[in-house]
Every structure is written in structure tokens, then in C-alpha cells.
Amino acid sequence: MENKPIKLIILCSWGATSSQLAKKVQEAAEKRGIALEAHAGGTGEFKQKAGEYDVALLEPQVRHLKREVEKTAEAHQIPVELVDQRAFALMDGDKVLDQVLKILNK
């Protein structure tokens, strides 16, 4: 059976910085040979698509929406965490990838 890729969504208000970070995480995963699909999106669209993901990361600037996102995520048993702030500031895909693997205990 083929390993199903980890589906990650990085959430910000509009999806602009998150798409940049998602790209970095995707590249880090490819370099390490980890099956992962990094997606970016706004917190609003997450409500409709939550069931498609395995893990959700919130960017620091939308931390005030964490409870709302968690409510949506809970219904689908998806862990939600804030992106490590240093990793976010540095757009460090490797560090964010480590965070995702830790959340999923992989």
C-alpha cells in the first residue's frame, strides 16, 4: 500500500504569506523524500475544506482565530497549532516540516 501524503494547510487571513511558506515546506519535504502536500489558504475557506487535511498550522498574525479554527478542525480530528514564530519569520520550511512531523508523531 502506498503511503498517503501528509496533507498540510497553512492558514493566514488571505493566503498570501501562507502560500510562500507552503512552498518552502513542500520543497523541504521533497528534499527529504517525505510525501507531503503543503497547501495555503485563508481561515474562511478552511471551514469548507477542513476534512481534506491532516494538520492545520496557523500563522502568528491570525492567532486570534485559533479557537474558531480549532472548532472546525475538531469535527474532523485535525490538530491545529500556531506556526513556530521563528520559523515563520525566517520562512524556514525545514523547521515547519519538523513541527508538522512532531504534531503527527512521525
PDB file of N, CA and C in Angstrom:
ATOM      1  N   MET A   1       0.827  -1.201   0.000  1.00  0.00           N
ATOM      2  CA  MET A   1       0.000   0.000   0.000  1.00  0.00           C
ATOM      3  C   MET A   1       0.863   1.252   0.000  1.00  0.00           C
ATOM      4  N   GLU A   2       0.535   2.163  -0.869  1.00  0.00           N
ATOM      5  CA  GLU A   2       1.340   3.376  -0.990  1.00  0.00           C
ATOM      6  C   GLU A   2       1.066   4.291   0.193  1.00  0.00           C
ATOM      7  N   ASN A   3       2.124   4.979   0.622  1.00  0.00           N
ATOM      8  CA  ASN A   3       1.968   5.939   1.704  1.00  0.00           C
ATOM      9  C   ASN A   3       1.174   7.135   1.217  1.00  0.00           C
ATOM     10  N   LYS A   4       0.103   7.410   1.921  1.00  0.00           N
ATOM     11  CA  LYS A   4      -0.712   8.569   1.588  1.00  0.00           C
ATOM     12  C   LYS A   4       0.069   9.819   2.024  1.00  0.00           C
ATOM     13  N   PRO A   5       0.175  10.819   1.148  1.00  0.00           N
ATOM     14  CA  PRO A   5       0.920  12.009   1.563  1.00  0.00           C
ATOM     15  C   PRO A   5       0.235  12.728   2.724  1.00  0.00           C
ATOM     16  N   ILE A   6       1.031  13.345   3.562  1.00  0.00           N
ATOM     17  CA  ILE A   6       0.507  14.190   4.639  1.00  0.00           C
ATOM     18  C   ILE A   6      -0.070  15.431   3.967  1.00  0.00           C
ATOM     19  N   LYS A   7      -1.285  15.780   4.340  1.00  0.00           N
ATOM     20  CA  LYS A   7      -1.884  16.985   3.755  1.00  0.00           C
ATOM     21  C   LYS A   7      -1.900  18.089   4.806  1.00  0.00           C
ATOM     22  N   LEU A   8      -1.099  19.105   4.534  1.00  0.00           N
ATOM     23  CA  LEU A   8      -0.930  20.231   5.453  1.00  0.00           C
ATOM     24  C   LEU A   8      -1.602  21.463   4.867  1.00  0.00           C
ATOM     25  N   ILE A   9      -2.277  22.209   5.716  1.00  0.00           N
ATOM     26  CA  ILE A   9      -2.782  23.511   5.299  1.00  0.00           C
ATOM     27  C   ILE A   9      -2.177  24.557   6.229  1.00  0.00           C
ATOM     28  N   ILE A  10      -1.623  25.610   5.633  1.00  0.00           N
ATOM     29  CA  ILE A  10      -1.098  26.734   6.398  1.00  0.00           C
ATOM     30  C   ILE A  10      -2.072  27.882   6.190  1.00  0.00           C
ATOM     31  N   LEU A  11      -2.584  28.397   7.299  1.00  0.00           N
ATOM     32  CA  LEU A  11      -3.652  29.394   7.220  1.00  0.00           C
ATOM     33  C   LEU A  11      -3.175  30.791   7.613  1.00  0.00           C
ATOM     34  N   CYS A  12      -3.565  31.758   6.796  1.00  0.00           N
ATOM     35  CA  CYS A  12      -3.393  33.159   7.189  1.00  0.00           C
ATOM     36  C   CYS A  12      -4.694  33.864   6.813  1.00  0.00           C
ATOM     37  N   SER A  13      -4.721  35.175   6.859  1.00  0.00           N
ATOM     38  CA  SER A  13      -6.002  35.823   6.580  1.00  0.00           C
ATOM     39  C   SER A  13      -6.385  35.675   5.111  1.00  0.00           C
ATOM     40  N   TRP A  14      -5.446  35.884   4.211  1.00  0.00           N
ATOM     41  CA  TRP A  14      -5.803  35.876   2.794  1.00  0.00           C
ATOM     42  C   TRP A  14      -5.078  34.826   1.972  1.00  0.00           C
ATOM     43  N   GLY A  15      -4.085  34.156   2.534  1.00  0.00           N
ATOM     44  CA  GLY A  15      -3.390  33.127   1.764  1.00  0.00           C
ATOM     45  C   GLY A  15      -2.129  33.604   1.062  1.00  0.00           C
ATOM     46  N   ALA A  16      -1.703  34.856   1.297  1.00  0.00           N
ATOM     47  CA  ALA A  16      -0.527  35.369   0.583  1.00  0.00           C
ATOM     48  C   ALA A  16       0.784  34.871   1.183  1.00  0.00           C
ATOM     49  N   THR A  17       1.042  35.193   2.458  1.00  0.00           N
ATOM     50  CA  THR A  17       2.284  34.723   3.067  1.00  0.00           C
ATOM     51  C   THR A  17       2.251  33.218   3.244  1.00  0.00           C
ATOM     52  N   SER A  18       1.069  32.660   3.471  1.00  0.00           N
ATOM     53  CA  SER A  18       0.995  31.219   3.696  1.00  0.00           C
ATOM     54  C   SER A  18       1.376  30.438   2.443  1.00  0.00           C
ATOM     55  N   SER A  19       1.099  30.973   1.250  1.00  0.00           N
ATOM     56  CA  SER A  19       1.465  30.228   0.046  1.00  0.00           C
ATOM     57  C   SER A  19       2.982  30.209  -0.118  1.00  0.00           C
ATOM     58  N   GLN A  20       3.642  31.284   0.283  1.00  0.00           N
ATOM     59  CA  GLN A  20       5.096  31.328   0.243  1.00  0.00           C
ATOM     60  C   GLN A  20       5.678  30.281   1.202  1.00  0.00           C
ATOM     61  N   LEU A  21       5.134  30.230   2.408  1.00  0.00           N
ATOM     62  CA  LEU A  21       5.630  29.280   3.406  1.00  0.00           C
ATOM     63  C   LEU A  21       5.306  27.841   2.988  1.00  0.00           C
ATOM     64  N   ALA A  22       4.118  27.625   2.445  1.00  0.00           N
ATOM     65  CA  ALA A  22       3.730  26.286   2.000  1.00  0.00           C
ATOM     66  C   ALA A  22       4.714  25.765   0.955  1.00  0.00           C
ATOM     67  N   LYS A  23       5.142  26.661   0.067  1.00  0.00           N
ATOM     68  CA  LYS A  23       6.095  26.288  -0.972  1.00  0.00           C
ATOM     69  C   LYS A  23       7.416  25.836  -0.345  1.00  0.00           C
ATOM     70  N   LYS A  24       7.862  26.558   0.668  1.00  0.00           N
ATOM     71  CA  LYS A  24       9.127  26.220   1.352  1.00  0.00           C
ATOM     72  C   LYS A  24       9.016  24.864   2.054  1.00  0.00           C
ATOM     73  N   VAL A  25       7.871  24.606   2.688  1.00  0.00           N
ATOM     74  CA  VAL A  25       7.670  23.337   3.392  1.00  0.00           C
ATOM     75  C   VAL A  25       7.640  22.193   2.373  1.00  0.00           C
ATOM     76  N   GLN A  26       6.967  22.426   1.263  1.00  0.00           N
ATOM     77  CA  GLN A  26       6.884  21.440   0.184  1.00  0.00           C
ATOM     78  C   GLN A  26       8.289  21.077  -0.306  1.00  0.00           C
ATOM     79  N   GLU A  27       9.123  22.112  -0.529  1.00  0.00           N
ATOM     80  CA  GLU A  27      10.493  21.893  -1.005  1.00  0.00           C
ATOM     81  C   GLU A  27      11.295  21.105   0.019  1.00  0.00           C
ATOM     82  N   ALA A  28      11.140  21.443   1.303  1.00  0.00           N
ATOM     83  CA  ALA A  28      11.860  20.747   2.368  1.00  0.00           C
ATOM     84  C   ALA A  28      11.465  19.271   2.398  1.00  0.00           C
ATOM     85  N   ALA A  29      10.173  19.004   2.232  1.00  0.00           N
ATOM     86  CA  ALA A  29       9.681  17.624   2.248  1.00  0.00           C
ATOM     87  C   ALA A  29      10.242  16.842   1.062  1.00  0.00           C
ATOM     88  N   GLU A  30      10.243  17.469  -0.119  1.00  0.00           N
ATOM     89  CA  GLU A  30      10.766  16.806  -1.308  1.00  0.00           C
ATOM     90  C   GLU A  30      12.239  16.460  -1.130  1.00  0.00           C
ATOM     91  N   LYS A  31      12.996  17.393  -0.569  1.00  0.00           N
ATOM     92  CA  LYS A  31      14.425  17.154  -0.335  1.00  0.00           C
ATOM     93  C   LYS A  31      14.646  15.953   0.566  1.00  0.00           C
ATOM     94  N   ARG A  32      13.747  15.762   1.524  1.00  0.00           N
ATOM     95  CA  ARG A  32      13.894  14.662   2.477  1.00  0.00           C
ATOM     96  C   ARG A  32      13.170  13.392   2.042  1.00  0.00           C
ATOM     97  N   GLY A  33      12.494  13.466   0.914  1.00  0.00           N
ATOM     98  CA  GLY A  33      11.755  12.306   0.425  1.00  0.00           C
ATOM     99  C   GLY A  33      10.523  11.990   1.263  1.00  0.00           C
ATOM    100  N   ILE A  34       9.923  13.039   1.828  1.00  0.00           N
ATOM    101  CA  ILE A  34       8.710  12.861   2.635  1.00  0.00           C
ATOM    102  C   ILE A  34       7.498  13.202   1.768  1.00  0.00           C
ATOM    103  N   ALA A  35       6.524  12.298   1.763  1.00  0.00           N
ATOM    104  CA  ALA A  35       5.309  12.546   0.984  1.00  0.00           C
ATOM    105  C   ALA A  35       4.440  13.544   1.732  1.00  0.00           C
ATOM    106  N   LEU A  36       4.376  14.761   1.207  1.00  0.00           N
ATOM    107  CA  LEU A  36       3.603  15.805   1.857  1.00  0.00           C
ATOM    108  C   LEU A  36       3.046  16.743   0.805  1.00  0.00           C
ATOM    109  N   GLU A  37       1.824  17.160   1.009  1.00  0.00           N
ATOM    110  CA  GLU A  37       1.239  18.203   0.161  1.00  0.00           C
ATOM    111  C   GLU A  37       0.989  19.399   1.048  1.00  0.00           C
ATOM    112  N   ALA A  38       1.686  20.493   0.773  1.00  0.00           N
ATOM    113  CA  ALA A  38       1.500  21.709   1.566  1.00  0.00           C
ATOM    114  C   ALA A  38       0.567  22.649   0.819  1.00  0.00           C
ATOM    115  N   HIS A  39      -0.510  22.995   1.468  1.00  0.00           N
ATOM    116  CA  HIS A  39      -1.490  23.908   0.872  1.00  0.00           C
ATOM    117  C   HIS A  39      -1.522  25.191   1.698  1.00  0.00           C
ATOM    118  N   ALA A  40      -2.013  26.239   1.076  1.00  0.00           N
ATOM    119  CA  ALA A  40      -2.138  27.508   1.778  1.00  0.00           C
ATOM    120  C   ALA A  40      -3.560  27.990   1.604  1.00  0.00           C
ATOM    121  N   GLY A  41      -4.053  28.686   2.605  1.00  0.00           N
ATOM    122  CA  GLY A  41      -5.403  29.190   2.458  1.00  0.00           C
ATOM    123  C   GLY A  41      -5.766  30.187   3.520  1.00  0.00           C
ATOM    124  N   GLY A  42      -6.909  30.772   3.341  1.00  0.00           N
ATOM    125  CA  GLY A  42      -7.448  31.686   4.329  1.00  0.00           C
ATOM    126  C   GLY A  42      -8.273  30.909   5.340  1.00  0.00           C
ATOM    127  N   THR A  43      -8.438  31.481   6.513  1.00  0.00           N
ATOM    128  CA  THR A  43      -9.182  30.790   7.554  1.00  0.00           C
ATOM    129  C   THR A  43     -10.637  30.580   7.139  1.00  0.00           C
ATOM    130  N   GLY A  44     -11.173  31.468   6.342  1.00  0.00           N
ATOM    131  CA  GLY A  44     -12.556  31.354   5.897  1.00  0.00           C
ATOM    132  C   GLY A  44     -12.790  30.114   5.047  1.00  0.00           C
ATOM    133  N   GLU A  45     -11.907  29.886   4.071  1.00  0.00           N
ATOM    134  CA  GLU A  45     -12.109  28.734   3.184  1.00  0.00           C
ATOM    135  C   GLU A  45     -11.819  27.423   3.900  1.00  0.00           C
ATOM    136  N   PHE A  46     -11.061  27.465   4.997  1.00  0.00           N
ATOM    137  CA  PHE A  46     -10.760  26.259   5.762  1.00  0.00           C
ATOM    138  C   PHE A  46     -12.041  25.606   6.261  1.00  0.00           C
ATOM    139  N   LYS A  47     -13.022  26.430   6.597  1.00  0.00           N
ATOM    140  CA  LYS A  47     -14.301  25.900   7.087  1.00  0.00           C
ATOM    141  C   LYS A  47     -14.922  24.920   6.095  1.00  0.00           C
ATOM    142  N   GLN A  48     -14.820  25.237   4.812  1.00  0.00           N
ATOM    143  CA  GLN A  48     -15.411  24.376   3.786  1.00  0.00           C
ATOM    144  C   GLN A  48     -14.559  23.144   3.500  1.00  0.00           C
ATOM    145  N   LYS A  49     -13.240  23.285   3.664  1.00  0.00           N
ATOM    146  CA  LYS A  49     -12.347  22.229   3.183  1.00  0.00           C
ATOM    147  C   LYS A  49     -11.607  21.474   4.278  1.00  0.00           C
ATOM    148  N   ALA A  50     -11.933  21.722   5.530  1.00  0.00           N
ATOM    149  CA  ALA A  50     -11.169  21.148   6.643  1.00  0.00           C
ATOM    150  C   ALA A  50     -10.958  19.645   6.528  1.00  0.00           C
ATOM    151  N   GLY A  51     -11.972  18.927   6.093  1.00  0.00           N
ATOM    152  CA  GLY A  51     -11.899  17.479   6.025  1.00  0.00           C
ATOM    153  C   GLY A  51     -10.840  16.929   5.083  1.00  0.00           C
ATOM    154  N   GLU A  52     -10.297  17.797   4.223  1.00  0.00           N
ATOM    155  CA  GLU A  52      -9.302  17.352   3.249  1.00  0.00           C
ATOM    156  C   GLU A  52      -7.890  17.280   3.829  1.00  0.00           C
ATOM    157  N   TYR A  53      -7.699  17.796   5.034  1.00  0.00           N
ATOM    158  CA  TYR A  53      -6.334  17.927   5.560  1.00  0.00           C
ATOM    159  C   TYR A  53      -6.073  17.046   6.779  1.00  0.00           C
ATOM    160  N   ASP A  54      -4.770  16.793   7.023  1.00  0.00           N
ATOM    161  CA  ASP A  54      -4.343  16.014   8.186  1.00  0.00           C
ATOM    162  C   ASP A  54      -3.902  16.909   9.327  1.00  0.00           C
ATOM    163  N   VAL A  55      -3.435  18.100   8.987  1.00  0.00           N
ATOM    164  CA  VAL A  55      -2.916  19.009  10.010  1.00  0.00           C
ATOM    165  C   VAL A  55      -3.060  20.443   9.514  1.00  0.00           C
ATOM    166  N   ALA A  56      -3.357  21.349  10.442  1.00  0.00           N
ATOM    167  CA  ALA A  56      -3.507  22.763  10.093  1.00  0.00           C
ATOM    168  C   ALA A  56      -2.552  23.593  10.944  1.00  0.00           C
ATOM    169  N   LEU A  57      -1.852  24.514  10.297  1.00  0.00           N
ATOM    170  CA  LEU A  57      -0.982  25.446  11.011  1.00  0.00           C
ATOM    171  C   LEU A  57      -1.493  26.851  10.782  1.00  0.00           C
ATOM    172  N   LEU A  58      -1.543  27.607  11.854  1.00  0.00           N
ATOM    173  CA  LEU A  58      -1.981  28.998  11.774  1.00  0.00           C
ATOM    174  C   LEU A  58      -0.775  29.908  11.831  1.00  0.00           C
ATOM    175  N   GLU A  59      -0.742  30.901  10.972  1.00  0.00           N
ATOM    176  CA  GLU A  59       0.343  31.870  11.029  1.00  0.00           C
ATOM    177  C   GLU A  59       0.143  32.783  12.238  1.00  0.00           C
ATOM    178  N   PRO A  60       1.250  33.300  12.775  1.00  0.00           N
ATOM    179  CA  PRO A  60       1.165  34.104  14.006  1.00  0.00           C
ATOM    180  C   PRO A  60       0.169  35.263  13.924  1.00  0.00           C
ATOM    181  N   GLN A  61       0.042  35.899  12.759  1.00  0.00           N
ATOM    182  CA  GLN A  61      -0.846  37.067  12.687  1.00  0.00           C
ATOM    183  C   GLN A  61      -2.333  36.719  12.756  1.00  0.00           C
ATOM    184  N   VAL A  62      -2.675  35.432  12.660  1.00  0.00           N
ATOM    185  CA  VAL A  62      -4.092  35.067  12.793  1.00  0.00           C
ATOM    186  C   VAL A  62      -4.331  34.220  14.042  1.00  0.00           C
ATOM    187  N   ARG A  63      -3.429  34.342  15.021  1.00  0.00           N
ATOM    188  CA  ARG A  63      -3.558  33.516  16.239  1.00  0.00           C
ATOM    189  C   ARG A  63      -4.874  33.778  16.958  1.00  0.00           C
ATOM    190  N   HIS A  64      -5.435  34.968  16.794  1.00  0.00           N
ATOM    191  CA  HIS A  64      -6.724  35.278  17.437  1.00  0.00           C
ATOM    192  C   HIS A  64      -7.868  34.432  16.869  1.00  0.00           C
ATOM    193  N   LEU A  65      -7.643  33.779  15.732  1.00  0.00           N
ATOM    194  CA  LEU A  65      -8.687  32.938  15.131  1.00  0.00           C
ATOM    195  C   LEU A  65      -8.524  31.466  15.494  1.00  0.00           C
ATOM    196  N   LYS A  66      -7.549  31.167  16.354  1.00  0.00           N
ATOM    197  CA  LYS A  66      -7.219  29.768  16.659  1.00  0.00           C
ATOM    198  C   LYS A  66      -8.433  29.006  17.187  1.00  0.00           C
ATOM    199  N   ARG A  67      -9.160  29.581  18.117  1.00  0.00           N
ATOM    200  CA  ARG A  67     -10.301  28.865  18.718  1.00  0.00           C
ATOM    201  C   ARG A  67     -11.342  28.529  17.653  1.00  0.00           C
ATOM    202  N   GLU A  68     -11.601  29.480  16.790  1.00  0.00           N
ATOM    203  CA  GLU A  68     -12.586  29.293  15.718  1.00  0.00           C
ATOM    204  C   GLU A  68     -12.122  28.175  14.766  1.00  0.00           C
ATOM    205  N   VAL A  69     -10.852  28.204  14.399  1.00  0.00           N
ATOM    206  CA  VAL A  69     -10.292  27.184  13.506  1.00  0.00           C
ATOM    207  C   VAL A  69     -10.309  25.819  14.192  1.00  0.00           C
ATOM    208  N   GLU A  70      -9.985  25.799  15.487  1.00  0.00           N
ATOM    209  CA  GLU A  70      -9.984  24.543  16.234  1.00  0.00           C
ATOM    210  C   GLU A  70     -11.374  23.913  16.251  1.00  0.00           C
ATOM    211  N   LYS A  71     -12.393  24.748  16.368  1.00  0.00           N
ATOM    212  CA  LYS A  71     -13.760  24.231  16.368  1.00  0.00           C
ATOM    213  C   LYS A  71     -14.045  23.477  15.075  1.00  0.00           C
ATOM    214  N   THR A  72     -13.677  24.088  13.960  1.00  0.00           N
ATOM    215  CA  THR A  72     -13.851  23.448  12.648  1.00  0.00           C
ATOM    216  C   THR A  72     -13.005  22.186  12.573  1.00  0.00           C
ATOM    217  N   ALA A  73     -11.748  22.280  13.007  1.00  0.00           N
ATOM    218  CA  ALA A  73     -10.802  21.169  12.895  1.00  0.00           C
ATOM    219  C   ALA A  73     -11.207  19.981  13.762  1.00  0.00           C
ATOM    220  N   GLU A  74     -11.750  20.281  14.943  1.00  0.00           N
ATOM    221  CA  GLU A  74     -12.145  19.217  15.875  1.00  0.00           C
ATOM    222  C   GLU A  74     -13.130  18.242  15.245  1.00  0.00           C
ATOM    223  N   ALA A  75     -14.055  18.770  14.483  1.00  0.00           N
ATOM    224  CA  ALA A  75     -15.063  17.939  13.836  1.00  0.00           C
ATOM    225  C   ALA A  75     -14.420  16.909  12.904  1.00  0.00           C
ATOM    226  N   HIS A  76     -13.207  17.212  12.439  1.00  0.00           N
ATOM    227  CA  HIS A  76     -12.510  16.311  11.520  1.00  0.00           C
ATOM    228  C   HIS A  76     -11.271  15.675  12.165  1.00  0.00           C
ATOM    229  N   GLN A  77     -11.120  15.835  13.477  1.00  0.00           N
ATOM    230  CA  GLN A  77      -9.951  15.331  14.217  1.00  0.00           C
ATOM    231  C   GLN A  77      -8.627  15.805  13.607  1.00  0.00           C
ATOM    232  N   ILE A  78      -8.546  17.088  13.327  1.00  0.00           N
ATOM    233  CA  ILE A  78      -7.321  17.648  12.749  1.00  0.00           C
ATOM    234  C   ILE A  78      -6.611  18.475  13.813  1.00  0.00           C
ATOM    235  N   PRO A  79      -5.328  18.181  14.070  1.00  0.00           N
ATOM    236  CA  PRO A  79      -4.602  19.019  15.026  1.00  0.00           C
ATOM    237  C   PRO A  79      -4.329  20.411  14.442  1.00  0.00           C
ATOM    238  N   VAL A  80      -4.428  21.414  15.305  1.00  0.00           N
ATOM    239  CA  VAL A  80      -4.177  22.799  14.903  1.00  0.00           C
ATOM    240  C   VAL A  80      -3.109  23.368  15.822  1.00  0.00           C
ATOM    241  N   GLU A  81      -2.104  23.981  15.236  1.00  0.00           N
ATOM    242  CA  GLU A  81      -1.082  24.661  16.029  1.00  0.00           C
ATOM    243  C   GLU A  81      -0.697  25.951  15.347  1.00  0.00           C
ATOM    244  N   LEU A  82      -0.068  26.838  16.104  1.00  0.00           N
ATOM    245  CA  LEU A  82       0.491  28.040  15.504  1.00  0.00           C
ATOM    246  C   LEU A  82       1.834  27.678  14.885  1.00  0.00           C
ATOM    247  N   VAL A  83       2.128  28.263  13.735  1.00  0.00           N
ATOM    248  CA  VAL A  83       3.445  28.074  13.123  1.00  0.00           C
ATOM    249  C   VAL A  83       4.482  28.607  14.098  1.00  0.00           C
ATOM    250  N   ASP A  84       5.548  27.859  14.278  1.00  0.00           N
ATOM    251  CA  ASP A  84       6.659  28.332  15.093  1.00  0.00           C
ATOM    252  C   ASP A  84       7.044  29.737  14.613  1.00  0.00           C
ATOM    253  N   GLN A  85       7.090  30.695  15.559  1.00  0.00           N
ATOM    254  CA  GLN A  85       7.251  32.085  15.158  1.00  0.00           C
ATOM    255  C   GLN A  85       8.590  32.385  14.486  1.00  0.00           C
ATOM    256  N   ARG A  86       9.646  31.789  15.005  1.00  0.00           N
ATOM    257  CA  ARG A  86      10.963  31.986  14.390  1.00  0.00           C
ATOM    258  C   ARG A  86      10.992  31.400  12.990  1.00  0.00           C
ATOM    259  N   ALA A  87      10.455  30.199  12.865  1.00  0.00           N
ATOM    260  CA  ALA A  87      10.426  29.531  11.562  1.00  0.00           C
ATOM    261  C   ALA A  87       9.629  30.370  10.571  1.00  0.00           C
ATOM    262  N   PHE A  88       8.539  30.984  11.064  1.00  0.00           N
ATOM    263  CA  PHE A  88       7.714  31.822  10.198  1.00  0.00           C
ATOM    264  C   PHE A  88       8.491  33.059   9.768  1.00  0.00           C
ATOM    265  N   ALA A  89       9.144  33.716  10.712  1.00  0.00           N
ATOM    266  CA  ALA A  89       9.896  34.934  10.412  1.00  0.00           C
ATOM    267  C   ALA A  89      10.989  34.651   9.383  1.00  0.00           C
ATOM    268  N   LEU A  90      11.600  33.476   9.505  1.00  0.00           N
ATOM    269  CA  LEU A  90      12.697  33.119   8.606  1.00  0.00           C
ATOM    270  C   LEU A  90      12.212  32.372   7.365  1.00  0.00           C
ATOM    271  N   MET A  91      10.890  32.121   7.280  1.00  0.00           N
ATOM    272  CA  MET A  91      10.335  31.309   6.190  1.00  0.00           C
ATOM    273  C   MET A  91      11.129  30.010   6.089  1.00  0.00           C
ATOM    274  N   ASP A  92      11.325  29.342   7.228  1.00  0.00           N
ATOM    275  CA  ASP A  92      12.143  28.144   7.324  1.00  0.00           C
ATOM    276  C   ASP A  92      11.283  26.894   7.117  1.00  0.00           C
ATOM    277  N   GLY A  93      11.246  26.419   5.884  1.00  0.00           N
ATOM    278  CA  GLY A  93      10.415  25.258   5.540  1.00  0.00           C
ATOM    279  C   GLY A  93      10.791  24.009   6.309  1.00  0.00           C
ATOM    280  N   ASP A  94      12.099  23.831   6.555  1.00  0.00           N
ATOM    281  CA  ASP A  94      12.554  22.644   7.278  1.00  0.00           C
ATOM    282  C   ASP A  94      12.038  22.621   8.702  1.00  0.00           C
ATOM    283  N   LYS A  95      12.110  23.771   9.355  1.00  0.00           N
ATOM    284  CA  LYS A  95      11.671  23.851  10.751  1.00  0.00           C
ATOM    285  C   LYS A  95      10.156  23.621  10.840  1.00  0.00           C
ATOM    286  N   VAL A  96       9.422  24.168   9.902  1.00  0.00           N
ATOM    287  CA  VAL A  96       7.972  23.981   9.892  1.00  0.00           C
ATOM    288  C   VAL A  96       7.638  22.519   9.599  1.00  0.00           C
ATOM    289  N   LEU A  97       8.394  21.910   8.699  1.00  0.00           N
ATOM    290  CA  LEU A  97       8.198  20.489   8.404  1.00  0.00           C
ATOM    291  C   LEU A  97       8.440  19.649   9.662  1.00  0.00           C
ATOM    292  N   ASP A  98       9.506  19.973  10.401  1.00  0.00           N
ATOM    293  CA  ASP A  98       9.765  19.266  11.664  1.00  0.00           C
ATOM    294  C   ASP A  98       8.588  19.403  12.612  1.00  0.00           C
ATOM    295  N   GLN A  99       8.024  20.607  12.661  1.00  0.00           N
ATOM    296  CA  GLN A  99       6.883  20.862  13.542  1.00  0.00           C
ATOM    297  C   GLN A  99       5.697  19.979  13.141  1.00  0.00           C
ATOM    298  N   VAL A 100       5.430  19.885  11.846  1.00  0.00           N
ATOM    299  CA  VAL A 100       4.319  19.067  11.343  1.00  0.00           C
ATOM    300  C   VAL A 100       4.535  17.602  11.695  1.00  0.00           C
ATOM    301  N   LEU A 101       5.756  17.104  11.493  1.00  0.00           N
ATOM    302  CA  LEU A 101       6.050  15.700  11.789  1.00  0.00           C
ATOM    303  C   LEU A 101       5.902  15.419  13.275  1.00  0.00           C
ATOM    304  N   LYS A 102       6.282  16.408  14.094  1.00  0.00           N
ATOM    305  CA  LYS A 102       6.164  16.241  15.547  1.00  0.00           C
ATOM    306  C   LYS A 102       4.685  16.182  15.943  1.00  0.00           C
ATOM    307  N   ILE A 103       3.868  17.050  15.374  1.00  0.00           N
ATOM    308  CA  ILE A 103       2.436  17.066  15.676  1.00  0.00           C
ATOM    309  C   ILE A 103       1.820  15.707  15.338  1.00  0.00           C
ATOM    310  N   LEU A 104       2.249  15.129  14.230  1.00  0.00           N
ATOM    311  CA  LEU A 104       1.677  13.870  13.762  1.00  0.00           C
ATOM    312  C   LEU A 104       2.448  12.655  14.279  1.00  0.00           C
ATOM    313  N   ASN A 105       3.440  12.910  15.144  1.00  0.00           N
ATOM    314  CA  ASN A 105       4.285  11.845  15.694  1.00  0.00           C
ATOM    315  C   ASN A 105       4.890  10.953  14.631  1.00  0.00           C
ATOM    316  N   LYS A 106       5.466  11.568  13.613  1.00  0.00           N
ATOM    317  CA  LYS A 106       6.071  10.768  12.525  1.00  0.00           C
ATOM    318  C   LYS A 106       7.579  10.903  12.581  1.00  0.00           C
TER     319      LYS A 106
END
